N, C-alpha and C. Protein backbone atom coordinates (compact mmCIF):
# COMPACT_ATOMS: atom_id res chain seq x y z
N MET A 1 67.16 40.00 59.11
CA MET A 1 66.32 40.62 58.11
C MET A 1 65.41 39.54 57.52
N ALA A 2 64.14 39.78 57.57
CA ALA A 2 63.18 38.80 57.07
C ALA A 2 62.79 39.12 55.63
N LEU A 3 62.51 38.07 54.89
CA LEU A 3 62.07 38.25 53.51
C LEU A 3 60.59 38.60 53.48
N SER A 4 60.24 39.48 52.56
CA SER A 4 58.83 39.84 52.43
C SER A 4 58.11 38.78 51.60
N ARG A 5 56.80 38.86 51.58
CA ARG A 5 56.00 37.91 50.82
C ARG A 5 56.33 37.99 49.32
N GLU A 6 56.59 39.21 48.83
CA GLU A 6 56.94 39.38 47.43
C GLU A 6 58.29 38.75 47.11
N ASP A 7 59.24 38.83 48.05
CA ASP A 7 60.54 38.19 47.86
C ASP A 7 60.38 36.68 47.75
N LEU A 8 59.56 36.11 48.61
CA LEU A 8 59.34 34.66 48.57
C LEU A 8 58.66 34.23 47.29
N LYS A 9 57.69 35.02 46.82
CA LYS A 9 57.04 34.70 45.55
C LYS A 9 58.03 34.76 44.40
N GLY A 10 58.92 35.76 44.42
CA GLY A 10 59.93 35.87 43.38
C GLY A 10 60.91 34.71 43.42
N ALA A 11 61.26 34.26 44.63
CA ALA A 11 62.19 33.14 44.77
C ALA A 11 61.54 31.85 44.26
N VAL A 12 60.27 31.69 44.54
CA VAL A 12 59.57 30.49 44.09
C VAL A 12 59.50 30.46 42.56
N LYS A 13 59.33 31.62 41.94
CA LYS A 13 59.29 31.68 40.48
C LYS A 13 60.69 31.54 39.88
N GLY A 14 61.71 32.00 40.57
CA GLY A 14 63.06 31.98 40.03
C GLY A 14 63.75 30.63 40.10
N LEU A 15 63.47 29.85 41.14
CA LEU A 15 64.13 28.57 41.30
C LEU A 15 63.83 27.60 40.16
N PRO A 16 62.58 27.43 39.75
CA PRO A 16 62.33 26.56 38.60
C PRO A 16 63.04 27.05 37.33
N PHE A 17 63.15 28.35 37.16
CA PHE A 17 63.85 28.88 36.00
C PHE A 17 65.31 28.46 35.99
N ILE A 18 65.95 28.49 37.14
CA ILE A 18 67.35 28.08 37.23
C ILE A 18 67.50 26.61 36.85
N PHE A 19 66.65 25.75 37.38
CA PHE A 19 66.78 24.33 37.09
C PHE A 19 66.39 24.01 35.65
N ILE A 20 65.38 24.70 35.10
CA ILE A 20 65.01 24.50 33.70
C ILE A 20 66.16 24.93 32.80
N THR A 21 66.82 26.03 33.15
CA THR A 21 67.97 26.49 32.37
C THR A 21 69.09 25.47 32.42
N LEU A 22 69.35 24.88 33.58
CA LEU A 22 70.40 23.86 33.69
C LEU A 22 70.06 22.61 32.88
N VAL A 23 68.80 22.19 32.92
CA VAL A 23 68.40 21.02 32.14
C VAL A 23 68.52 21.32 30.65
N ALA A 24 68.12 22.54 30.23
CA ALA A 24 68.23 22.92 28.82
C ALA A 24 69.69 22.96 28.39
N ALA A 25 70.58 23.47 29.24
CA ALA A 25 72.00 23.51 28.90
C ALA A 25 72.57 22.10 28.80
N ASN A 26 72.18 21.22 29.70
CA ASN A 26 72.63 19.82 29.62
C ASN A 26 72.14 19.17 28.33
N THR A 27 70.87 19.38 28.00
CA THR A 27 70.30 18.80 26.79
C THR A 27 70.97 19.36 25.54
N LEU A 28 71.16 20.66 25.51
CA LEU A 28 71.81 21.29 24.36
C LEU A 28 73.23 20.77 24.17
N SER A 29 73.96 20.64 25.22
CA SER A 29 75.34 20.15 25.10
C SER A 29 75.37 18.70 24.61
N LEU A 30 74.38 17.92 25.01
CA LEU A 30 74.33 16.54 24.53
C LEU A 30 73.89 16.46 23.07
N LEU A 31 73.00 17.36 22.65
CA LEU A 31 72.50 17.34 21.27
C LEU A 31 73.55 17.78 20.26
N ILE A 32 74.36 18.75 20.62
CA ILE A 32 75.35 19.25 19.65
C ILE A 32 76.70 18.55 19.80
N TYR A 33 76.79 17.63 20.73
CA TYR A 33 78.03 16.86 20.95
C TYR A 33 79.24 17.79 21.08
N ALA A 34 79.08 18.85 21.81
CA ALA A 34 80.16 19.83 21.98
C ALA A 34 81.12 19.34 23.04
N ASN A 35 82.09 18.55 22.61
CA ASN A 35 83.08 18.01 23.54
C ASN A 35 82.37 17.49 24.79
N ALA A 36 81.50 16.54 24.55
CA ALA A 36 80.56 16.08 25.56
C ALA A 36 81.17 15.78 26.93
N PRO A 37 82.25 15.01 27.02
CA PRO A 37 82.77 14.72 28.36
C PRO A 37 83.20 15.98 29.12
N ASN A 38 83.84 16.90 28.43
CA ASN A 38 84.31 18.11 29.09
C ASN A 38 83.14 19.03 29.45
N ALA A 39 82.21 19.22 28.51
CA ALA A 39 81.07 20.10 28.76
C ALA A 39 80.19 19.56 29.87
N VAL A 40 79.91 18.27 29.82
CA VAL A 40 79.07 17.67 30.85
C VAL A 40 79.76 17.73 32.20
N GLY A 41 81.07 17.54 32.21
CA GLY A 41 81.82 17.64 33.46
C GLY A 41 81.75 19.03 34.06
N GLU A 42 81.86 20.06 33.21
CA GLU A 42 81.78 21.43 33.71
C GLU A 42 80.38 21.75 34.23
N ILE A 43 79.37 21.31 33.51
CA ILE A 43 77.99 21.55 33.95
C ILE A 43 77.73 20.78 35.25
N PHE A 44 78.23 19.56 35.33
CA PHE A 44 78.08 18.77 36.55
C PHE A 44 78.75 19.47 37.73
N ARG A 45 79.93 20.01 37.50
CA ARG A 45 80.64 20.74 38.56
C ARG A 45 79.84 21.96 39.01
N TYR A 46 79.26 22.69 38.06
CA TYR A 46 78.42 23.84 38.39
C TYR A 46 77.20 23.40 39.19
N ASN A 47 76.59 22.29 38.78
CA ASN A 47 75.41 21.78 39.50
C ASN A 47 75.77 21.40 40.94
N ILE A 48 76.96 20.86 41.14
CA ILE A 48 77.38 20.51 42.50
C ILE A 48 77.55 21.77 43.35
N TYR A 49 78.15 22.82 42.78
CA TYR A 49 78.27 24.08 43.53
C TYR A 49 76.89 24.64 43.87
N LEU A 50 75.99 24.61 42.91
CA LEU A 50 74.63 25.11 43.14
C LEU A 50 73.95 24.31 44.24
N LEU A 51 74.08 23.01 44.20
CA LEU A 51 73.49 22.15 45.22
C LEU A 51 74.10 22.42 46.60
N ALA A 52 75.42 22.59 46.64
CA ALA A 52 76.09 22.85 47.91
C ALA A 52 75.62 24.16 48.53
N PHE A 53 75.52 25.21 47.74
CA PHE A 53 75.05 26.49 48.28
C PHE A 53 73.58 26.42 48.66
N SER A 54 72.79 25.65 47.94
CA SER A 54 71.38 25.48 48.30
C SER A 54 71.26 24.77 49.64
N ILE A 55 72.06 23.73 49.83
CA ILE A 55 72.03 23.00 51.10
C ILE A 55 72.48 23.90 52.25
N LEU A 56 73.52 24.70 52.01
CA LEU A 56 73.97 25.64 53.05
C LEU A 56 72.88 26.64 53.41
N SER A 57 72.18 27.16 52.40
CA SER A 57 71.13 28.13 52.70
C SER A 57 69.99 27.48 53.47
N ILE A 58 69.65 26.24 53.15
CA ILE A 58 68.61 25.53 53.90
C ILE A 58 69.07 25.28 55.33
N LEU A 59 70.33 24.91 55.49
CA LEU A 59 70.88 24.68 56.83
C LEU A 59 70.83 25.96 57.67
N PHE A 60 71.28 27.07 57.11
CA PHE A 60 71.26 28.34 57.85
C PHE A 60 69.82 28.79 58.13
N SER A 61 68.90 28.53 57.22
CA SER A 61 67.50 28.87 57.46
C SER A 61 66.94 28.03 58.60
N GLY A 62 67.31 26.77 58.64
CA GLY A 62 66.86 25.90 59.74
C GLY A 62 67.41 26.34 61.08
N ILE A 63 68.68 26.72 61.10
CA ILE A 63 69.28 27.23 62.34
C ILE A 63 68.58 28.51 62.78
N ASN A 64 68.32 29.39 61.82
CA ASN A 64 67.61 30.63 62.13
C ASN A 64 66.22 30.34 62.68
N LEU A 65 65.53 29.37 62.10
CA LEU A 65 64.21 29.00 62.57
C LEU A 65 64.27 28.46 64.01
N LEU A 66 65.25 27.61 64.28
CA LEU A 66 65.38 27.05 65.63
C LEU A 66 65.71 28.13 66.66
N LEU A 67 66.61 29.05 66.32
CA LEU A 67 66.95 30.13 67.25
C LEU A 67 65.76 31.06 67.47
N SER A 68 65.01 31.33 66.42
CA SER A 68 63.82 32.18 66.56
C SER A 68 62.78 31.50 67.45
N TYR A 69 62.59 30.21 67.25
CA TYR A 69 61.64 29.48 68.09
C TYR A 69 62.09 29.46 69.54
N LEU A 70 63.39 29.27 69.75
CA LEU A 70 63.93 29.27 71.11
C LEU A 70 63.71 30.62 71.78
N ALA A 71 63.98 31.71 71.06
CA ALA A 71 63.78 33.05 71.63
C ALA A 71 62.30 33.29 71.93
N TRP A 72 61.42 32.86 71.02
CA TRP A 72 59.98 33.03 71.23
C TRP A 72 59.52 32.22 72.43
N SER A 73 60.04 31.01 72.56
CA SER A 73 59.66 30.14 73.67
C SER A 73 60.11 30.73 75.01
N ILE A 74 61.33 31.25 75.05
CA ILE A 74 61.83 31.87 76.28
C ILE A 74 61.02 33.11 76.63
N LYS A 75 60.71 33.91 75.62
CA LYS A 75 59.91 35.12 75.84
C LYS A 75 58.52 34.74 76.38
N LYS A 76 57.94 33.70 75.82
CA LYS A 76 56.63 33.25 76.25
C LYS A 76 56.67 32.78 77.71
N GLU A 77 57.72 32.06 78.10
CA GLU A 77 57.87 31.57 79.47
C GLU A 77 58.09 32.73 80.44
N VAL A 78 58.85 33.72 80.05
CA VAL A 78 59.11 34.89 80.92
C VAL A 78 57.82 35.65 81.16
N GLN A 79 57.02 35.80 80.11
CA GLN A 79 55.74 36.51 80.27
C GLN A 79 54.77 35.71 81.12
N TYR A 80 54.88 34.39 81.12
CA TYR A 80 54.00 33.55 81.91
C TYR A 80 54.22 33.76 83.41
N PHE A 81 55.47 33.99 83.80
CA PHE A 81 55.78 34.15 85.22
C PHE A 81 55.54 35.56 85.74
N LYS A 82 55.22 36.50 84.88
CA LYS A 82 54.97 37.88 85.35
C LYS A 82 53.62 38.02 85.95
């Protein structure tokens, strides 16, 4: 299933919001000194999960791109010999 142009535009707008929210939460926790080591540790753990899932999605997108290119290349070669 391919993403539409509107989906991609929404994703581009949503990603900065997520990171701005994380930076604001980190700043807020540091400003109010709310059990700083524990709060920062939890936010850091959340950031690691977010980064891990982002890397996985990029990896799967790259694999999908390579498989699509391979299929297109094979199709192009088959049509060349007809």
